[in-house]
Structures are given as C-alpha cells and as structure tokens.
Amino acid sequence: MGRQGTGSMGKWLGALGAAMAMTALAVSAITPALGSSGDDDRDERIRVHSITTEEEFLDLGSEGISLGDEIVFSTNLRKGRENVGRLGVVCTFTSVDHEEAECVATALFRGGQIAVQGLLVGGPERFVLPITGGSGKYEGAEGEVHVRQVSETEEILTFHLSD
C-alpha cells in the first residue's frame, strides 16, 4: 500500500491526494463562524484551506495505477488558524488512459455537511466539481466547489452554494 505510480500518473496520483484533500475543497461563508456573504438569497461562498491528515492508496488491480484502484483520504479544513471542519474523500480510478477518477467527498462544518461528487479528468491542479446536496443548515445545497492545489498536502477550496 502507500502512494504508487510513475511518470505523469504518479504525479497525478500525488496531486490527487493533495488536491482532493478538496479537494479541499473557500473566505466568506455560510455560518457566522465563517462569515456571511450578506445576500438574502442563498448564493454564498465558503473558502477554506484543506490540509491532508490521512491518506492511503489502495492498489486493488494490477500493480501500479489501474482501473478500480482507490485513494482514500481526510483533511482538516481551516480558516486562518481555526479548524472549521473536516473533509472525507474517496476517489476510484475509472480510466488510466484518460487519467480519470470518480470522486465522492463530504465536508463537515458546524451545523451540517456538504456533499460533492464528480469526475476528475487529466490531473487535479485546478478543477471544479458539483455540489450534490447537504444536511443541517446546508440542506438542499447546490452549486460547485472550486479546488486549487497549493502543495502536495494543501489546497484552497471555494464552495459556491446556491439553492
């Protein structure tokens, strides 16, 4: 187990772990602890730094990256020095030839969760995934999360929420 791969796929896998730690997915936000956009309709943003805390590459098929292999990781979500949530992510490789992985992630904030799911294509330095729902104060959430990789273990996530 552990991170495996060579060449561009190895770089992609390393970046995927960092980027999906989505990910990490964000600076104005929904909860008072994070800030408010001030709009009456729910068109809000959450901007956080995502820092990987745990990560595992599951080599389930042929040695190295192959169809069905998974990367599973979790991150802390921070605004400044304050921990404001956590993120859990599972990505399954669906195409080695096209460098694609289907990723499912859940961000846990005070008062609720935000669910994200989508296909990463060609590497995760910058990408956008759809928000598929939420719970608690994020119930009915729609929109997208923009992810920008900062380093191997850190990303900036911006959740653009609407309902």
N, C-alpha and C. Protein backbone atom coordinates (compact mmCIF):
# COMPACT_ATOMS: atom_id res chain seq x y z
N MET A 1 0.84 -1.17 0.00
CA MET A 1 0.00 0.00 0.00
C MET A 1 0.88 1.23 0.00
N GLY A 2 0.28 2.41 0.16
CA GLY A 2 1.03 3.64 0.05
C GLY A 2 0.92 4.20 -1.35
N ARG A 3 1.46 5.34 -1.55
CA ARG A 3 1.37 6.01 -2.84
C ARG A 3 2.29 5.32 -3.84
N GLN A 4 1.73 5.00 -5.03
CA GLN A 4 2.50 4.34 -6.06
C GLN A 4 2.27 5.02 -7.38
N GLY A 5 3.11 4.71 -8.36
CA GLY A 5 2.92 5.26 -9.69
C GLY A 5 4.20 5.84 -10.21
N THR A 6 4.28 5.97 -11.52
CA THR A 6 5.46 6.54 -12.14
C THR A 6 5.04 7.56 -13.17
N GLY A 7 5.97 8.42 -13.54
CA GLY A 7 5.71 9.39 -14.60
C GLY A 7 4.56 10.31 -14.27
N SER A 8 3.81 10.68 -15.32
CA SER A 8 2.73 11.65 -15.14
C SER A 8 1.62 11.09 -14.26
N MET A 9 1.36 9.78 -14.33
CA MET A 9 0.31 9.21 -13.47
C MET A 9 0.74 9.26 -12.00
N GLY A 10 2.03 9.06 -11.73
CA GLY A 10 2.50 9.17 -10.35
C GLY A 10 2.32 10.59 -9.84
N LYS A 11 2.67 11.57 -10.68
CA LYS A 11 2.47 12.97 -10.31
C LYS A 11 0.98 13.25 -10.11
N TRP A 12 0.16 12.69 -11.02
CA TRP A 12 -1.29 12.89 -10.93
C TRP A 12 -1.83 12.32 -9.65
N LEU A 13 -1.38 11.10 -9.29
CA LEU A 13 -1.85 10.46 -8.07
C LEU A 13 -1.44 11.26 -6.85
N GLY A 14 -0.19 11.71 -6.81
CA GLY A 14 0.26 12.51 -5.68
C GLY A 14 -0.53 13.79 -5.56
N ALA A 15 -0.76 14.43 -6.69
CA ALA A 15 -1.52 15.67 -6.68
C ALA A 15 -2.98 15.41 -6.32
N LEU A 16 -3.53 14.27 -6.76
CA LEU A 16 -4.91 13.94 -6.45
C LEU A 16 -5.12 13.85 -4.95
N GLY A 17 -4.21 13.18 -4.26
CA GLY A 17 -4.33 13.08 -2.82
C GLY A 17 -4.32 14.44 -2.16
N ALA A 18 -3.47 15.29 -2.66
CA ALA A 18 -3.39 16.63 -2.10
C ALA A 18 -4.59 17.47 -2.51
N ALA A 19 -4.94 17.42 -3.77
CA ALA A 19 -5.98 18.30 -4.28
C ALA A 19 -7.35 17.94 -3.77
N MET A 20 -7.65 16.68 -3.64
CA MET A 20 -8.97 16.33 -3.17
C MET A 20 -9.08 16.44 -1.67
N ALA A 21 -7.98 16.72 -1.04
CA ALA A 21 -7.97 16.92 0.38
C ALA A 21 -8.43 18.32 0.64
N MET A 22 -9.88 18.14 -1.13
CA MET A 22 -10.77 19.08 -1.91
C MET A 22 -11.16 20.11 -1.15
N THR A 23 -10.15 18.48 -2.84
CA THR A 23 -10.43 18.65 -2.70
C THR A 23 -10.30 18.61 -2.48
N ALA A 24 -10.63 19.99 -0.47
CA ALA A 24 -10.31 20.79 -0.47
C ALA A 24 -10.28 21.26 -1.06
N LEU A 25 -11.57 21.38 -1.24
CA LEU A 25 -12.21 21.89 -1.50
C LEU A 25 -11.69 22.62 -1.27
N ALA A 26 -11.97 27.71 0.66
CA ALA A 26 -13.13 28.55 0.48
C ALA A 26 -13.12 29.68 1.50
N VAL A 27 -13.53 32.51 1.41
CA VAL A 27 -13.25 33.17 2.69
C VAL A 27 -14.54 33.75 3.24
N SER A 28 -15.53 34.06 2.49
CA SER A 28 -16.83 34.35 3.09
C SER A 28 -17.59 33.04 3.14
N ALA A 29 -18.61 32.92 4.01
CA ALA A 29 -19.20 31.62 4.18
C ALA A 29 -20.61 31.66 4.71
N ILE A 30 -21.09 30.48 5.06
CA ILE A 30 -22.48 30.33 5.41
C ILE A 30 -22.72 30.53 6.89
N THR A 31 -21.86 30.02 7.73
CA THR A 31 -22.10 30.09 9.16
C THR A 31 -21.48 31.36 9.73
N PRO A 32 -22.03 31.86 10.83
CA PRO A 32 -21.44 33.05 11.44
C PRO A 32 -19.97 32.87 11.79
N ALA A 33 -19.56 31.67 12.14
CA ALA A 33 -18.16 31.44 12.47
C ALA A 33 -17.27 31.63 11.25
N LEU A 34 -17.81 31.43 10.06
CA LEU A 34 -17.02 31.56 8.84
C LEU A 34 -17.23 32.90 8.16
N GLY A 35 -18.35 33.56 8.42
CA GLY A 35 -18.65 34.83 7.76
C GLY A 35 -19.92 34.71 6.96
N SER A 36 -20.34 35.79 6.33
CA SER A 36 -21.57 35.78 5.56
C SER A 36 -21.39 36.63 4.32
N SER A 37 -22.04 36.22 3.25
CA SER A 37 -21.94 36.99 2.01
C SER A 37 -22.83 38.22 2.05
N GLY A 38 -23.83 38.22 2.96
CA GLY A 38 -24.72 39.35 3.09
C GLY A 38 -25.90 39.32 2.14
N ASP A 39 -25.98 38.38 1.24
CA ASP A 39 -27.10 38.28 0.30
C ASP A 39 -28.29 37.63 0.98
N ASP A 40 -29.51 38.08 0.64
CA ASP A 40 -30.70 37.48 1.22
C ASP A 40 -30.97 36.11 0.59
N ASP A 41 -30.79 35.97 -0.75
CA ASP A 41 -30.94 34.66 -1.35
C ASP A 41 -29.65 33.89 -1.07
N ARG A 42 -29.78 32.58 -1.09
CA ARG A 42 -28.63 31.76 -0.69
C ARG A 42 -27.71 31.56 -1.89
N ASP A 43 -26.85 32.50 -2.11
CA ASP A 43 -25.80 32.42 -3.12
C ASP A 43 -24.53 32.81 -2.38
N GLU A 44 -23.97 31.84 -1.67
CA GLU A 44 -22.90 32.11 -0.72
C GLU A 44 -21.65 31.31 -1.05
N ARG A 45 -20.55 31.72 -0.42
CA ARG A 45 -19.28 31.04 -0.61
C ARG A 45 -18.70 30.63 0.74
N ILE A 46 -18.00 29.52 0.72
CA ILE A 46 -17.16 29.11 1.85
C ILE A 46 -15.79 28.89 1.26
N ARG A 47 -14.80 29.57 1.80
CA ARG A 47 -13.42 29.43 1.32
C ARG A 47 -12.58 28.94 2.49
N VAL A 48 -11.91 27.80 2.30
CA VAL A 48 -11.09 27.20 3.36
C VAL A 48 -9.80 26.65 2.77
N HIS A 49 -8.83 26.47 3.65
CA HIS A 49 -7.62 25.73 3.30
C HIS A 49 -7.85 24.28 3.74
N SER A 50 -7.55 23.36 2.87
CA SER A 50 -7.70 21.93 3.14
C SER A 50 -6.30 21.34 3.31
N ILE A 51 -6.06 20.73 4.48
CA ILE A 51 -4.74 20.17 4.78
C ILE A 51 -4.89 18.67 5.04
N THR A 52 -4.24 17.84 4.21
CA THR A 52 -4.34 16.39 4.31
C THR A 52 -3.79 15.91 5.65
N THR A 53 -4.57 15.05 6.33
CA THR A 53 -4.14 14.47 7.61
C THR A 53 -3.92 12.97 7.51
N GLU A 54 -4.67 12.30 6.64
CA GLU A 54 -4.53 10.85 6.43
C GLU A 54 -4.75 10.56 4.95
N GLU A 55 -4.00 9.56 4.42
CA GLU A 55 -4.14 9.22 3.01
C GLU A 55 -3.67 7.79 2.78
N GLU A 56 -4.40 7.07 1.93
CA GLU A 56 -4.00 5.71 1.58
C GLU A 56 -4.38 5.43 0.13
N PHE A 57 -3.43 4.87 -0.62
CA PHE A 57 -3.68 4.41 -1.99
C PHE A 57 -3.93 2.91 -1.92
N LEU A 58 -5.09 2.47 -2.42
CA LEU A 58 -5.44 1.06 -2.41
C LEU A 58 -5.22 0.49 -3.80
N ASP A 59 -4.16 -0.30 -3.95
CA ASP A 59 -3.79 -0.91 -5.23
C ASP A 59 -4.57 -2.21 -5.36
N LEU A 60 -5.76 -2.14 -5.97
CA LEU A 60 -6.69 -3.26 -5.98
C LEU A 60 -6.61 -4.14 -7.22
N GLY A 61 -5.98 -3.68 -8.28
CA GLY A 61 -5.88 -4.44 -9.52
C GLY A 61 -4.44 -4.76 -9.82
N SER A 62 -4.05 -4.54 -11.06
CA SER A 62 -2.66 -4.73 -11.46
C SER A 62 -1.78 -3.80 -10.65
N GLU A 63 -0.50 -4.17 -10.51
CA GLU A 63 0.43 -3.34 -9.75
C GLU A 63 0.52 -1.95 -10.37
N GLY A 64 0.55 -0.93 -9.54
CA GLY A 64 0.53 0.46 -10.01
C GLY A 64 -0.90 0.90 -10.23
N ILE A 65 -1.08 2.03 -10.85
CA ILE A 65 -2.42 2.57 -11.04
C ILE A 65 -3.15 1.77 -12.11
N SER A 66 -4.34 1.27 -11.76
CA SER A 66 -5.17 0.52 -12.69
C SER A 66 -6.64 0.79 -12.37
N LEU A 67 -7.51 0.37 -13.27
CA LEU A 67 -8.94 0.57 -13.07
C LEU A 67 -9.38 0.00 -11.73
N GLY A 68 -10.19 0.76 -11.01
CA GLY A 68 -10.72 0.32 -9.74
C GLY A 68 -9.87 0.65 -8.54
N ASP A 69 -8.60 1.03 -8.75
CA ASP A 69 -7.77 1.44 -7.61
C ASP A 69 -8.41 2.66 -6.95
N GLU A 70 -8.16 2.82 -5.67
CA GLU A 70 -8.77 3.92 -4.94
C GLU A 70 -7.73 4.70 -4.15
N ILE A 71 -8.03 5.94 -3.95
CA ILE A 71 -7.29 6.76 -2.99
C ILE A 71 -8.33 7.28 -2.00
N VAL A 72 -8.04 7.10 -0.72
CA VAL A 72 -8.96 7.49 0.35
C VAL A 72 -8.18 8.44 1.26
N PHE A 73 -8.77 9.58 1.60
CA PHE A 73 -8.05 10.50 2.47
C PHE A 73 -9.00 11.40 3.23
N SER A 74 -8.45 12.03 4.26
CA SER A 74 -9.21 13.01 5.03
C SER A 74 -8.33 14.24 5.24
N THR A 75 -9.01 15.37 5.47
CA THR A 75 -8.30 16.63 5.65
C THR A 75 -8.94 17.43 6.77
N ASN A 76 -8.18 18.35 7.30
CA ASN A 76 -8.73 19.39 8.17
C ASN A 76 -9.02 20.60 7.30
N LEU A 77 -10.13 21.25 7.57
CA LEU A 77 -10.50 22.48 6.87
C LEU A 77 -10.26 23.64 7.81
N ARG A 78 -9.47 24.61 7.36
CA ARG A 78 -9.06 25.72 8.22
C ARG A 78 -9.37 27.06 7.58
N LYS A 79 -9.72 27.99 8.42
CA LYS A 79 -9.83 29.40 8.04
C LYS A 79 -8.87 30.12 8.98
N GLY A 80 -7.77 30.60 8.42
CA GLY A 80 -6.71 31.15 9.27
C GLY A 80 -6.14 30.02 10.10
N ARG A 81 -6.05 30.22 11.39
CA ARG A 81 -5.52 29.18 12.30
C ARG A 81 -6.62 28.32 12.91
N GLU A 82 -7.87 28.65 12.62
CA GLU A 82 -9.00 27.96 13.22
C GLU A 82 -9.45 26.77 12.37
N ASN A 83 -9.59 25.60 13.01
CA ASN A 83 -10.21 24.44 12.34
C ASN A 83 -11.70 24.70 12.28
N VAL A 84 -12.27 24.65 11.05
CA VAL A 84 -13.69 24.91 10.89
C VAL A 84 -14.44 23.69 10.36
N GLY A 85 -13.72 22.60 10.11
CA GLY A 85 -14.38 21.39 9.63
C GLY A 85 -13.40 20.33 9.20
N ARG A 86 -13.97 19.29 8.62
CA ARG A 86 -13.18 18.16 8.10
C ARG A 86 -13.74 17.77 6.75
N LEU A 87 -12.94 17.02 6.00
CA LEU A 87 -13.34 16.55 4.69
C LEU A 87 -12.93 15.10 4.55
N GLY A 88 -13.83 14.26 4.05
CA GLY A 88 -13.53 12.86 3.74
C GLY A 88 -13.73 12.63 2.26
N VAL A 89 -12.79 11.92 1.61
CA VAL A 89 -12.82 11.75 0.16
C VAL A 89 -12.45 10.32 -0.21
N VAL A 90 -13.17 9.77 -1.21
CA VAL A 90 -12.82 8.50 -1.84
C VAL A 90 -12.84 8.73 -3.35
N CYS A 91 -11.72 8.42 -4.02
CA CYS A 91 -11.63 8.53 -5.48
C CYS A 91 -11.29 7.17 -6.05
N THR A 92 -12.04 6.76 -7.07
CA THR A 92 -11.83 5.49 -7.75
C THR A 92 -11.39 5.76 -9.17
N PHE A 93 -10.28 5.15 -9.60
CA PHE A 93 -9.79 5.35 -10.96
C PHE A 93 -10.71 4.64 -11.94
N THR A 94 -11.26 5.40 -12.89
CA THR A 94 -12.20 4.88 -13.88
C THR A 94 -11.59 4.80 -15.27
N SER A 95 -10.46 5.47 -15.50
CA SER A 95 -9.73 5.36 -16.76
C SER A 95 -8.27 5.71 -16.52
N VAL A 96 -7.39 4.77 -16.84
CA VAL A 96 -5.96 5.05 -16.76
C VAL A 96 -5.54 5.82 -18.00
N ASP A 97 -6.05 5.42 -19.18
CA ASP A 97 -5.69 6.06 -20.44
C ASP A 97 -6.03 7.55 -20.44
N HIS A 98 -7.16 7.92 -19.85
CA HIS A 98 -7.60 9.32 -19.85
C HIS A 98 -7.34 10.02 -18.52
N GLU A 99 -6.65 9.34 -17.60
CA GLU A 99 -6.34 9.88 -16.27
C GLU A 99 -7.60 10.42 -15.60
N GLU A 100 -8.59 9.53 -15.39
CA GLU A 100 -9.86 9.93 -14.79
C GLU A 100 -10.11 9.16 -13.50
N ALA A 101 -10.72 9.86 -12.55
CA ALA A 101 -11.12 9.25 -11.29
C ALA A 101 -12.46 9.85 -10.86
N GLU A 102 -13.37 9.01 -10.43
CA GLU A 102 -14.65 9.44 -9.87
C GLU A 102 -14.44 9.67 -8.38
N CYS A 103 -14.77 10.87 -7.91
CA CYS A 103 -14.53 11.23 -6.52
C CYS A 103 -15.82 11.61 -5.81
N VAL A 104 -15.93 11.14 -4.59
CA VAL A 104 -17.06 11.47 -3.71
C VAL A 104 -16.44 12.06 -2.44
N ALA A 105 -16.94 13.22 -2.02
CA ALA A 105 -16.39 13.88 -0.84
C ALA A 105 -17.52 14.47 -0.01
N THR A 106 -17.29 14.52 1.30
CA THR A 106 -18.23 15.16 2.21
C THR A 106 -17.46 16.10 3.12
N ALA A 107 -17.87 17.37 3.14
CA ALA A 107 -17.28 18.37 4.03
C ALA A 107 -18.20 18.50 5.24
N LEU A 108 -17.62 18.39 6.41
CA LEU A 108 -18.36 18.51 7.67
C LEU A 108 -18.01 19.85 8.31
N PHE A 109 -19.02 20.71 8.44
CA PHE A 109 -18.87 22.01 9.10
C PHE A 109 -19.80 22.03 10.31
N ARG A 110 -19.63 23.03 11.17
CA ARG A 110 -20.58 23.19 12.28
C ARG A 110 -21.98 23.34 11.71
N GLY A 111 -22.89 22.54 12.16
CA GLY A 111 -24.27 22.69 11.75
C GLY A 111 -24.67 21.94 10.50
N GLY A 112 -23.76 21.20 9.87
CA GLY A 112 -24.17 20.44 8.70
C GLY A 112 -23.04 19.96 7.83
N GLN A 113 -23.43 19.30 6.75
CA GLN A 113 -22.49 18.71 5.81
C GLN A 113 -22.80 19.16 4.39
N ILE A 114 -21.76 19.17 3.54
CA ILE A 114 -21.91 19.48 2.12
C ILE A 114 -21.34 18.30 1.34
N ALA A 115 -22.15 17.72 0.44
CA ALA A 115 -21.73 16.57 -0.36
C ALA A 115 -21.30 17.02 -1.75
N VAL A 116 -20.22 16.41 -2.26
CA VAL A 116 -19.65 16.74 -3.57
C VAL A 116 -19.35 15.44 -4.30
N GLN A 117 -19.60 15.41 -5.61
CA GLN A 117 -19.28 14.22 -6.40
C GLN A 117 -19.01 14.62 -7.84
N GLY A 118 -18.01 13.98 -8.45
CA GLY A 118 -17.75 14.25 -9.85
C GLY A 118 -16.54 13.52 -10.38
N LEU A 119 -16.30 13.68 -11.67
CA LEU A 119 -15.21 13.02 -12.38
C LEU A 119 -14.05 13.99 -12.53
N LEU A 120 -12.89 13.60 -12.01
CA LEU A 120 -11.66 14.38 -12.22
C LEU A 120 -11.01 13.87 -13.50
N VAL A 121 -10.61 14.78 -14.37
CA VAL A 121 -10.05 14.40 -15.67
C VAL A 121 -8.71 15.08 -15.85
N GLY A 122 -7.65 14.29 -16.13
CA GLY A 122 -6.37 14.84 -16.55
C GLY A 122 -5.51 15.46 -15.48
N GLY A 123 -5.83 15.33 -14.25
CA GLY A 123 -5.00 15.87 -13.18
C GLY A 123 -5.69 16.96 -12.40
N PRO A 124 -5.33 17.09 -11.13
CA PRO A 124 -6.11 17.93 -10.22
C PRO A 124 -5.48 19.26 -9.79
N GLU A 125 -4.62 19.89 -10.59
CA GLU A 125 -4.03 21.15 -10.14
C GLU A 125 -5.12 22.20 -9.88
N ARG A 126 -6.11 22.26 -10.75
CA ARG A 126 -7.30 23.12 -10.58
C ARG A 126 -8.48 22.35 -11.17
N PHE A 127 -9.57 22.31 -10.46
CA PHE A 127 -10.74 21.65 -11.00
C PHE A 127 -11.98 22.13 -10.28
N VAL A 128 -13.14 21.80 -10.87
CA VAL A 128 -14.44 22.18 -10.33
C VAL A 128 -15.29 20.91 -10.29
N LEU A 129 -15.97 20.70 -9.16
CA LEU A 129 -16.88 19.56 -9.02
C LEU A 129 -18.24 20.06 -8.54
N PRO A 130 -19.32 19.35 -8.92
CA PRO A 130 -20.65 19.77 -8.48
C PRO A 130 -20.93 19.44 -7.01
N ILE A 131 -21.65 20.34 -6.36
CA ILE A 131 -22.19 20.07 -5.02
C ILE A 131 -23.51 19.35 -5.24
N THR A 132 -23.65 18.19 -4.62
CA THR A 132 -24.82 17.35 -4.87
C THR A 132 -25.85 17.37 -3.75
N GLY A 133 -25.59 18.10 -2.68
CA GLY A 133 -26.56 18.19 -1.60
C GLY A 133 -25.92 18.59 -0.29
N GLY A 134 -26.73 18.57 0.74
CA GLY A 134 -26.23 18.93 2.05
C GLY A 134 -27.21 18.53 3.13
N SER A 135 -26.78 18.72 4.37
CA SER A 135 -27.64 18.43 5.52
C SER A 135 -27.54 19.57 6.52
N GLY A 136 -28.46 19.56 7.49
CA GLY A 136 -28.46 20.62 8.50
C GLY A 136 -28.68 21.97 7.86
N LYS A 137 -27.88 22.96 8.23
CA LYS A 137 -28.07 24.29 7.67
C LYS A 137 -27.69 24.37 6.20
N TYR A 138 -27.13 23.29 5.63
CA TYR A 138 -26.79 23.24 4.20
C TYR A 138 -27.78 22.37 3.42
N GLU A 139 -28.89 21.99 4.04
CA GLU A 139 -29.89 21.16 3.37
C GLU A 139 -30.33 21.81 2.06
N GLY A 140 -30.37 21.01 1.01
CA GLY A 140 -30.79 21.50 -0.30
C GLY A 140 -29.69 22.24 -1.06
N ALA A 141 -28.47 22.23 -0.54
CA ALA A 141 -27.39 22.97 -1.19
C ALA A 141 -27.13 22.46 -2.59
N GLU A 142 -26.88 23.38 -3.50
CA GLU A 142 -26.46 23.10 -4.87
C GLU A 142 -25.31 24.04 -5.17
N GLY A 143 -24.67 23.82 -6.29
CA GLY A 143 -23.58 24.70 -6.70
C GLY A 143 -22.37 23.89 -7.09
N GLU A 144 -21.19 24.44 -6.82
CA GLU A 144 -19.96 23.75 -7.18
C GLU A 144 -18.85 24.17 -6.24
N VAL A 145 -17.83 23.30 -6.17
CA VAL A 145 -16.65 23.60 -5.38
C VAL A 145 -15.47 23.73 -6.34
N HIS A 146 -14.72 24.82 -6.18
CA HIS A 146 -13.52 25.08 -6.97
C HIS A 146 -12.32 24.70 -6.11
N VAL A 147 -11.42 23.90 -6.66
CA VAL A 147 -10.26 23.43 -5.91
C VAL A 147 -8.99 23.89 -6.61
N ARG A 148 -8.08 24.48 -5.84
CA ARG A 148 -6.78 24.89 -6.37
C ARG A 148 -5.69 24.30 -5.48
N GLN A 149 -4.84 23.49 -6.08
CA GLN A 149 -3.75 22.86 -5.35
C GLN A 149 -2.68 23.88 -5.02
N VAL A 150 -2.25 23.90 -3.75
CA VAL A 150 -1.19 24.79 -3.29
C VAL A 150 0.12 24.02 -3.13
N SER A 151 0.02 22.78 -2.61
CA SER A 151 1.19 21.93 -2.41
C SER A 151 0.72 20.48 -2.41
N GLU A 152 1.63 19.55 -2.16
CA GLU A 152 1.27 18.12 -2.11
C GLU A 152 0.22 17.83 -1.04
N THR A 153 0.13 18.65 0.01
CA THR A 153 -0.78 18.37 1.12
C THR A 153 -1.77 19.49 1.41
N GLU A 154 -1.85 20.49 0.56
CA GLU A 154 -2.74 21.62 0.85
C GLU A 154 -3.41 22.12 -0.42
N GLU A 155 -4.70 22.44 -0.29
CA GLU A 155 -5.49 23.03 -1.36
C GLU A 155 -6.30 24.18 -0.80
N ILE A 156 -6.78 25.02 -1.70
CA ILE A 156 -7.76 26.04 -1.33
C ILE A 156 -9.06 25.60 -1.99
N LEU A 157 -10.10 25.45 -1.17
CA LEU A 157 -11.42 25.05 -1.64
C LEU A 157 -12.36 26.23 -1.53
N THR A 158 -13.10 26.48 -2.59
CA THR A 158 -14.13 27.51 -2.54
C THR A 158 -15.46 26.86 -2.92
N PHE A 159 -16.35 26.74 -1.95
CA PHE A 159 -17.68 26.19 -2.17
C PHE A 159 -18.59 27.34 -2.58
N HIS A 160 -19.16 27.28 -3.79
CA HIS A 160 -20.13 28.26 -4.27
C HIS A 160 -21.50 27.62 -4.10
N LEU A 161 -22.27 28.07 -3.11
CA LEU A 161 -23.54 27.44 -2.75
C LEU A 161 -24.71 28.24 -3.27
N SER A 162 -25.72 27.53 -3.73
CA SER A 162 -26.99 28.15 -4.10
C SER A 162 -28.07 27.13 -3.82
N ASP A 163 -29.31 27.56 -3.79
CA ASP A 163 -30.41 26.59 -3.65
C ASP A 163 -31.62 27.07 -4.40
